[in-house]
Amino acid sequence: MDRMFRVLAFWTGIFAVMFYLGHMPTTSLIFFGQTVFFLFLGFLKLTERMYIYIFGAYLTIFFAAFTYWTTFMMVPGMGE
């Protein structure tokens, strides 16, 4: 299970670089932060149950923040 967090770190790192190259520095920093978080967790050698609990908490926080952002912060028609 710890290897999967390293895989997540790899992919969030790839996304961070792509966001940076796409001139999206704020999003890039968020993904770099996630990369460091996942890489740190990947080397902790926790139990599989603990990794599942951490991932569930991560998803809960992410979905709550994403829902808040898309509902209250995004301006309709801004991308047009």
PDB file of N, CA and C in Angstrom:
ATOM      1  N   MET A   1       0.826  -1.198   0.000  1.00  0.00           N
ATOM      2  CA  MET A   1       0.000   0.000   0.000  1.00  0.00           C
ATOM      3  C   MET A   1       0.865   1.255   0.000  1.00  0.00           C
ATOM      4  N   ASP A   2       2.021   1.198   0.630  1.00  0.00           N
ATOM      5  CA  ASP A   2       2.886   2.378   0.637  1.00  0.00           C
ATOM      6  C   ASP A   2       3.366   2.720  -0.774  1.00  0.00           C
ATOM      7  N   ARG A   3       3.510   1.712  -1.619  1.00  0.00           N
ATOM      8  CA  ARG A   3       3.926   1.981  -2.997  1.00  0.00           C
ATOM      9  C   ARG A   3       2.860   2.754  -3.767  1.00  0.00           C
ATOM     10  N   MET A   4       1.598   2.511  -3.446  1.00  0.00           N
ATOM     11  CA  MET A   4       0.532   3.232  -4.135  1.00  0.00           C
ATOM     12  C   MET A   4       0.563   4.724  -3.814  1.00  0.00           C
ATOM     13  N   PHE A   5       0.964   5.058  -2.591  1.00  0.00           N
ATOM     14  CA  PHE A   5       1.091   6.480  -2.255  1.00  0.00           C
ATOM     15  C   PHE A   5       2.276   7.097  -3.004  1.00  0.00           C
ATOM     16  N   ARG A   6       3.316   6.307  -3.247  1.00  0.00           N
ATOM     17  CA  ARG A   6       4.424   6.819  -4.069  1.00  0.00           C
ATOM     18  C   ARG A   6       3.990   6.988  -5.521  1.00  0.00           C
ATOM     19  N   VAL A   7       3.116   6.104  -5.995  1.00  0.00           N
ATOM     20  CA  VAL A   7       2.564   6.248  -7.349  1.00  0.00           C
ATOM     21  C   VAL A   7       1.706   7.511  -7.422  1.00  0.00           C
ATOM     22  N   LEU A   8       0.893   7.748  -6.389  1.00  0.00           N
ATOM     23  CA  LEU A   8       0.105   8.985  -6.342  1.00  0.00           C
ATOM     24  C   LEU A   8       1.019  10.209  -6.335  1.00  0.00           C
ATOM     25  N   ALA A   9       2.125  10.117  -5.606  1.00  0.00           N
ATOM     26  CA  ALA A   9       3.081  11.225  -5.582  1.00  0.00           C
ATOM     27  C   ALA A   9       3.659  11.464  -6.971  1.00  0.00           C
ATOM     28  N   PHE A  10       3.973  10.389  -7.677  1.00  0.00           N
ATOM     29  CA  PHE A  10       4.506  10.525  -9.034  1.00  0.00           C
ATOM     30  C   PHE A  10       3.509  11.245  -9.935  1.00  0.00           C
ATOM     31  N   TRP A  11       2.250  10.814  -9.919  1.00  0.00           N
ATOM     32  CA  TRP A  11       1.270  11.403 -10.819  1.00  0.00           C
ATOM     33  C   TRP A  11       0.903  12.827 -10.433  1.00  0.00           C
ATOM     34  N   THR A  12       0.816  13.118  -9.141  1.00  0.00           N
ATOM     35  CA  THR A  12       0.550  14.506  -8.764  1.00  0.00           C
ATOM     36  C   THR A  12       1.749  15.386  -9.117  1.00  0.00           C
ATOM     37  N   GLY A  13       2.947  14.825  -9.071  1.00  0.00           N
ATOM     38  CA  GLY A  13       4.132  15.570  -9.513  1.00  0.00           C
ATOM     39  C   GLY A  13       4.083  15.872 -11.003  1.00  0.00           C
ATOM     40  N   ILE A  14       3.654  14.895 -11.788  1.00  0.00           N
ATOM     41  CA  ILE A  14       3.510  15.103 -13.234  1.00  0.00           C
ATOM     42  C   ILE A  14       2.478  16.205 -13.501  1.00  0.00           C
ATOM     43  N   PHE A  15       1.349  16.132 -12.804  1.00  0.00           N
ATOM     44  CA  PHE A  15       0.322  17.164 -12.977  1.00  0.00           C
ATOM     45  C   PHE A  15       0.852  18.530 -12.553  1.00  0.00           C
ATOM     46  N   ALA A  16       1.621  18.582 -11.471  1.00  0.00           N
ATOM     47  CA  ALA A  16       2.169  19.858 -11.005  1.00  0.00           C
ATOM     48  C   ALA A  16       3.075  20.485 -12.058  1.00  0.00           C
ATOM     49  N   VAL A  17       3.915  19.669 -12.660  1.00  0.00           N
ATOM     50  CA  VAL A  17       4.808  20.184 -13.710  1.00  0.00           C
ATOM     51  C   VAL A  17       3.997  20.674 -14.904  1.00  0.00           C
ATOM     52  N   MET A  18       2.980  19.912 -15.291  1.00  0.00           N
ATOM     53  CA  MET A  18       2.159  20.322 -16.430  1.00  0.00           C
ATOM     54  C   MET A  18       1.391  21.620 -16.139  1.00  0.00           C
ATOM     55  N   PHE A  19       0.870  21.746 -14.917  1.00  0.00           N
ATOM     56  CA  PHE A  19       0.199  22.998 -14.552  1.00  0.00           C
ATOM     57  C   PHE A  19       1.183  24.164 -14.560  1.00  0.00           C
ATOM     58  N   TYR A  20       2.400  23.928 -14.096  1.00  0.00           N
ATOM     59  CA  TYR A  20       3.407  24.983 -14.095  1.00  0.00           C
ATOM     60  C   TYR A  20       3.751  25.409 -15.525  1.00  0.00           C
ATOM     61  N   LEU A  21       3.925  24.432 -16.405  1.00  0.00           N
ATOM     62  CA  LEU A  21       4.226  24.748 -17.802  1.00  0.00           C
ATOM     63  C   LEU A  21       3.039  25.403 -18.507  1.00  0.00           C
ATOM     64  N   GLY A  22       1.845  25.182 -17.997  1.00  0.00           N
ATOM     65  CA  GLY A  22       0.641  25.794 -18.562  1.00  0.00           C
ATOM     66  C   GLY A  22       0.318  27.146 -17.952  1.00  0.00           C
ATOM     67  N   HIS A  23       1.292  27.724 -17.221  1.00  0.00           N
ATOM     68  CA  HIS A  23       1.137  29.050 -16.611  1.00  0.00           C
ATOM     69  C   HIS A  23      -0.025  29.096 -15.611  1.00  0.00           C
ATOM     70  N   MET A  24      -0.095  28.061 -14.766  1.00  0.00           N
ATOM     71  CA  MET A  24      -1.103  28.000 -13.706  1.00  0.00           C
ATOM     72  C   MET A  24      -0.358  27.781 -12.384  1.00  0.00           C
ATOM     73  N   PRO A  25       0.310  28.818 -11.876  1.00  0.00           N
ATOM     74  CA  PRO A  25       1.196  28.627 -10.714  1.00  0.00           C
ATOM     75  C   PRO A  25       0.479  28.234  -9.427  1.00  0.00           C
ATOM     76  N   THR A  26      -0.718  28.734  -9.190  1.00  0.00           N
ATOM     77  CA  THR A  26      -1.433  28.393  -7.957  1.00  0.00           C
ATOM     78  C   THR A  26      -1.797  26.912  -7.940  1.00  0.00           C
ATOM     79  N   THR A  27      -2.351  26.438  -9.022  1.00  0.00           N
ATOM     80  CA  THR A  27      -2.696  25.020  -9.116  1.00  0.00           C
ATOM     81  C   THR A  27      -1.455  24.156  -9.044  1.00  0.00           C
ATOM     82  N   SER A  28      -0.391  24.614  -9.646  1.00  0.00           N
ATOM     83  CA  SER A  28       0.869  23.883  -9.598  1.00  0.00           C
ATOM     84  C   SER A  28       1.379  23.741  -8.167  1.00  0.00           C
ATOM     85  N   LEU A  29       1.300  24.798  -7.388  1.00  0.00           N
ATOM     86  CA  LEU A  29       1.742  24.726  -5.990  1.00  0.00           C
ATOM     87  C   LEU A  29       0.874  23.781  -5.161  1.00  0.00           C
ATOM     88  N   ILE A  30      -0.412  23.772  -5.430  1.00  0.00           N
ATOM     89  CA  ILE A  30      -1.304  22.841  -4.729  1.00  0.00           C
ATOM     90  C   ILE A  30      -0.900  21.401  -5.032  1.00  0.00           C
ATOM     91  N   PHE A  31      -0.617  21.115  -6.285  1.00  0.00           N
ATOM     92  CA  PHE A  31      -0.241  19.755  -6.654  1.00  0.00           C
ATOM     93  C   PHE A  31       1.162  19.400  -6.171  1.00  0.00           C
ATOM     94  N   PHE A  32       2.064  20.368  -6.118  1.00  0.00           N
ATOM     95  CA  PHE A  32       3.377  20.088  -5.523  1.00  0.00           C
ATOM     96  C   PHE A  32       3.233  19.753  -4.040  1.00  0.00           C
ATOM     97  N   GLY A  33       2.329  20.450  -3.345  1.00  0.00           N
ATOM     98  CA  GLY A  33       2.066  20.147  -1.941  1.00  0.00           C
ATOM     99  C   GLY A  33       1.512  18.739  -1.771  1.00  0.00           C
ATOM    100  N   GLN A  34       0.595  18.343  -2.649  1.00  0.00           N
ATOM    101  CA  GLN A  34       0.057  16.993  -2.589  1.00  0.00           C
ATOM    102  C   GLN A  34       1.143  15.965  -2.882  1.00  0.00           C
ATOM    103  N   THR A  35       2.046  16.291  -3.790  1.00  0.00           N
ATOM    104  CA  THR A  35       3.144  15.386  -4.111  1.00  0.00           C
ATOM    105  C   THR A  35       4.013  15.139  -2.889  1.00  0.00           C
ATOM    106  N   VAL A  36       4.365  16.192  -2.180  1.00  0.00           N
ATOM    107  CA  VAL A  36       5.183  16.054  -0.977  1.00  0.00           C
ATOM    108  C   VAL A  36       4.435  15.249   0.083  1.00  0.00           C
ATOM    109  N   PHE A  37       3.143  15.520   0.248  1.00  0.00           N
ATOM    110  CA  PHE A  37       2.317  14.799   1.222  1.00  0.00           C
ATOM    111  C   PHE A  37       2.283  13.305   0.913  1.00  0.00           C
ATOM    112  N   PHE A  38       2.011  12.947  -0.344  1.00  0.00           N
ATOM    113  CA  PHE A  38       1.941  11.534  -0.713  1.00  0.00           C
ATOM    114  C   PHE A  38       3.302  10.855  -0.627  1.00  0.00           C
ATOM    115  N   LEU A  39       4.347  11.563  -0.996  1.00  0.00           N
ATOM    116  CA  LEU A  39       5.693  10.983  -0.907  1.00  0.00           C
ATOM    117  C   LEU A  39       6.075  10.733   0.546  1.00  0.00           C
ATOM    118  N   PHE A  40       5.738  11.661   1.419  1.00  0.00           N
ATOM    119  CA  PHE A  40       5.989  11.488   2.851  1.00  0.00           C
ATOM    120  C   PHE A  40       5.244  10.271   3.389  1.00  0.00           C
ATOM    121  N   LEU A  41       3.970  10.141   3.024  1.00  0.00           N
ATOM    122  CA  LEU A  41       3.184   8.994   3.491  1.00  0.00           C
ATOM    123  C   LEU A  41       3.704   7.681   2.920  1.00  0.00           C
ATOM    124  N   GLY A  42       4.247   7.732   1.713  1.00  0.00           N
ATOM    125  CA  GLY A  42       4.736   6.518   1.074  1.00  0.00           C
ATOM    126  C   GLY A  42       5.916   5.887   1.777  1.00  0.00           C
ATOM    127  N   PHE A  43       6.627   6.660   2.569  1.00  0.00           N
ATOM    128  CA  PHE A  43       7.804   6.133   3.257  1.00  0.00           C
ATOM    129  C   PHE A  43       7.590   5.914   4.752  1.00  0.00           C
ATOM    130  N   LEU A  44       6.355   6.042   5.234  1.00  0.00           N
ATOM    131  CA  LEU A  44       6.089   5.896   6.660  1.00  0.00           C
ATOM    132  C   LEU A  44       5.970   4.440   7.119  1.00  0.00           C
ATOM    133  N   LYS A  45       5.696   3.521   6.204  1.00  0.00           N
ATOM    134  CA  LYS A  45       5.529   2.099   6.538  1.00  0.00           C
ATOM    135  C   LYS A  45       4.411   1.882   7.551  1.00  0.00           C
ATOM    136  N   LEU A  46       3.249   2.471   7.295  1.00  0.00           N
ATOM    137  CA  LEU A  46       2.093   2.288   8.159  1.00  0.00           C
ATOM    138  C   LEU A  46       1.372   0.994   7.788  1.00  0.00           C
ATOM    139  N   THR A  47       0.374   0.636   8.582  1.00  0.00           N
ATOM    140  CA  THR A  47      -0.420  -0.540   8.241  1.00  0.00           C
ATOM    141  C   THR A  47      -1.360  -0.196   7.093  1.00  0.00           C
ATOM    142  N   GLU A  48      -1.835  -1.233   6.428  1.00  0.00           N
ATOM    143  CA  GLU A  48      -2.721  -1.008   5.291  1.00  0.00           C
ATOM    144  C   GLU A  48      -4.014  -0.323   5.732  1.00  0.00           C
ATOM    145  N   ARG A  49      -4.508  -0.681   6.888  1.00  0.00           N
ATOM    146  CA  ARG A  49      -5.726  -0.063   7.409  1.00  0.00           C
ATOM    147  C   ARG A  49      -5.523   1.439   7.622  1.00  0.00           C
ATOM    148  N   MET A  50      -4.380   1.806   8.151  1.00  0.00           N
ATOM    149  CA  MET A  50      -4.101   3.217   8.403  1.00  0.00           C
ATOM    150  C   MET A  50      -3.987   3.994   7.095  1.00  0.00           C
ATOM    151  N   TYR A  51      -3.370   3.377   6.075  1.00  0.00           N
ATOM    152  CA  TYR A  51      -3.294   4.027   4.767  1.00  0.00           C
ATOM    153  C   TYR A  51      -4.693   4.248   4.191  1.00  0.00           C
ATOM    154  N   ILE A  52      -5.577   3.290   4.364  1.00  0.00           N
ATOM    155  CA  ILE A  52      -6.946   3.436   3.871  1.00  0.00           C
ATOM    156  C   ILE A  52      -7.666   4.566   4.612  1.00  0.00           C
ATOM    157  N   TYR A  53      -7.490   4.630   5.937  1.00  0.00           N
ATOM    158  CA  TYR A  53      -8.107   5.708   6.716  1.00  0.00           C
ATOM    159  C   TYR A  53      -7.587   7.081   6.274  1.00  0.00           C
ATOM    160  N   ILE A  54      -6.293   7.192   6.060  1.00  0.00           N
ATOM    161  CA  ILE A  54      -5.705   8.466   5.625  1.00  0.00           C
ATOM    162  C   ILE A  54      -6.229   8.850   4.248  1.00  0.00           C
ATOM    163  N   PHE A  55      -6.312   7.878   3.342  1.00  0.00           N
ATOM    164  CA  PHE A  55      -6.807   8.168   2.000  1.00  0.00           C
ATOM    165  C   PHE A  55      -8.277   8.568   2.039  1.00  0.00           C
ATOM    166  N   GLY A  56      -9.071   7.911   2.881  1.00  0.00           N
ATOM    167  CA  GLY A  56     -10.478   8.285   3.027  1.00  0.00           C
ATOM    168  C   GLY A  56     -10.636   9.692   3.564  1.00  0.00           C
ATOM    169  N   ALA A  57      -9.814  10.066   4.543  1.00  0.00           N
ATOM    170  CA  ALA A  57      -9.852  11.426   5.079  1.00  0.00           C
ATOM    171  C   ALA A  57      -9.427  12.443   4.009  1.00  0.00           C
ATOM    172  N   TYR A  58      -8.411  12.098   3.237  1.00  0.00           N
ATOM    173  CA  TYR A  58      -7.951  12.966   2.153  1.00  0.00           C
ATOM    174  C   TYR A  58      -9.078  13.191   1.139  1.00  0.00           C
ATOM    175  N   LEU A  59      -9.754  12.121   0.740  1.00  0.00           N
ATOM    176  CA  LEU A  59     -10.839  12.256  -0.230  1.00  0.00           C
ATOM    177  C   LEU A  59     -11.999  13.081   0.323  1.00  0.00           C
ATOM    178  N   THR A  60     -12.324  12.885   1.587  1.00  0.00           N
ATOM    179  CA  THR A  60     -13.407  13.653   2.202  1.00  0.00           C
ATOM    180  C   THR A  60     -13.094  15.143   2.197  1.00  0.00           C
ATOM    181  N   ILE A  61     -11.889  15.492   2.600  1.00  0.00           N
ATOM    182  CA  ILE A  61     -11.483  16.905   2.616  1.00  0.00           C
ATOM    183  C   ILE A  61     -11.449  17.473   1.202  1.00  0.00           C
ATOM    184  N   PHE A  62     -10.909  16.694   0.253  1.00  0.00           N
ATOM    185  CA  PHE A  62     -10.837  17.168  -1.121  1.00  0.00           C
ATOM    186  C   PHE A  62     -12.224  17.422  -1.702  1.00  0.00           C
ATOM    187  N   PHE A  63     -13.133  16.469  -1.546  1.00  0.00           N
ATOM    188  CA  PHE A  63     -14.462  16.635  -2.125  1.00  0.00           C
ATOM    189  C   PHE A  63     -15.236  17.772  -1.476  1.00  0.00           C
ATOM    190  N   ALA A  64     -15.081  17.959  -0.172  1.00  0.00           N
ATOM    191  CA  ALA A  64     -15.744  19.075   0.494  1.00  0.00           C
ATOM    192  C   ALA A  64     -15.195  20.404  -0.024  1.00  0.00           C
ATOM    193  N   ALA A  65     -13.872  20.511  -0.140  1.00  0.00           N
ATOM    194  CA  ALA A  65     -13.268  21.748  -0.642  1.00  0.00           C
ATOM    195  C   ALA A  65     -13.616  21.989  -2.107  1.00  0.00           C
ATOM    196  N   PHE A  66     -13.608  20.946  -2.914  1.00  0.00           N
ATOM    197  CA  PHE A  66     -13.931  21.079  -4.331  1.00  0.00           C
ATOM    198  C   PHE A  66     -15.384  21.512  -4.517  1.00  0.00           C
ATOM    199  N   THR A  67     -16.289  20.927  -3.737  1.00  0.00           N
ATOM    200  CA  THR A  67     -17.695  21.293  -3.823  1.00  0.00           C
ATOM    201  C   THR A  67     -17.906  22.741  -3.395  1.00  0.00           C
ATOM    202  N   TYR A  68     -17.243  23.154  -2.316  1.00  0.00           N
ATOM    203  CA  TYR A  68     -17.337  24.543  -1.873  1.00  0.00           C
ATOM    204  C   TYR A  68     -16.824  25.481  -2.963  1.00  0.00           C
ATOM    205  N   TRP A  69     -15.669  25.153  -3.537  1.00  0.00           N
ATOM    206  CA  TRP A  69     -15.069  26.022  -4.547  1.00  0.00           C
ATOM    207  C   TRP A  69     -15.969  26.144  -5.772  1.00  0.00           C
ATOM    208  N   THR A  70     -16.465  25.025  -6.275  1.00  0.00           N
ATOM    209  CA  THR A  70     -17.274  25.088  -7.487  1.00  0.00           C
ATOM    210  C   THR A  70     -18.642  25.719  -7.242  1.00  0.00           C
ATOM    211  N   THR A  71     -19.149  25.632  -6.022  1.00  0.00           N
ATOM    212  CA  THR A  71     -20.469  26.203  -5.729  1.00  0.00           C
ATOM    213  C   THR A  71     -20.399  27.694  -5.433  1.00  0.00           C
ATOM    214  N   PHE A  72     -19.433  28.111  -4.633  1.00  0.00           N
ATOM    215  CA  PHE A  72     -19.425  29.483  -4.138  1.00  0.00           C
ATOM    216  C   PHE A  72     -18.333  30.387  -4.721  1.00  0.00           C
ATOM    217  N   MET A  73     -17.262  29.831  -5.233  1.00  0.00           N
ATOM    218  CA  MET A  73     -16.141  30.668  -5.664  1.00  0.00           C
ATOM    219  C   MET A  73     -16.037  30.837  -7.185  1.00  0.00           C
ATOM    220  N   MET A  74     -16.473  29.848  -7.932  1.00  0.00           N
ATOM    221  CA  MET A  74     -16.359  29.942  -9.395  1.00  0.00           C
ATOM    222  C   MET A  74     -17.413  30.898  -9.936  1.00  0.00           C
ATOM    223  N   VAL A  75     -17.006  31.700 -10.886  1.00  0.00           N
ATOM    224  CA  VAL A  75     -17.929  32.649 -11.516  1.00  0.00           C
ATOM    225  C   VAL A  75     -18.504  31.982 -12.762  1.00  0.00           C
ATOM    226  N   PRO A  76     -19.832  31.880 -12.871  1.00  0.00           N
ATOM    227  CA  PRO A  76     -20.419  31.257 -14.060  1.00  0.00           C
ATOM    228  C   PRO A  76     -20.031  32.006 -15.342  1.00  0.00           C
ATOM    229  N   GLY A  77     -19.641  31.273 -16.352  1.00  0.00           N
ATOM    230  CA  GLY A  77     -19.266  31.858 -17.632  1.00  0.00           C
ATOM    231  C   GLY A  77     -17.889  32.472 -17.665  1.00  0.00           C
ATOM    232  N   MET A  78     -17.083  32.222 -16.648  1.00  0.00           N
ATOM    233  CA  MET A  78     -15.754  32.840 -16.581  1.00  0.00           C
ATOM    234  C   MET A  78     -14.820  32.281 -17.652  1.00  0.00           C
ATOM    235  N   GLY A  79     -15.000  31.031 -18.026  1.00  0.00           N
ATOM    236  CA  GLY A  79     -14.097  30.411 -18.987  1.00  0.00           C
ATOM    237  C   GLY A  79     -14.393  30.726 -20.442  1.00  0.00           C
ATOM    238  N   GLU A  80     -15.448  31.454 -20.695  1.00  0.00           N
ATOM    239  CA  GLU A  80     -15.824  31.742 -22.078  1.00  0.00           C
ATOM    240  C   GLU A  80     -15.069  32.897 -22.647  1.00  0.00           C
TER     241      GLU A  80
END
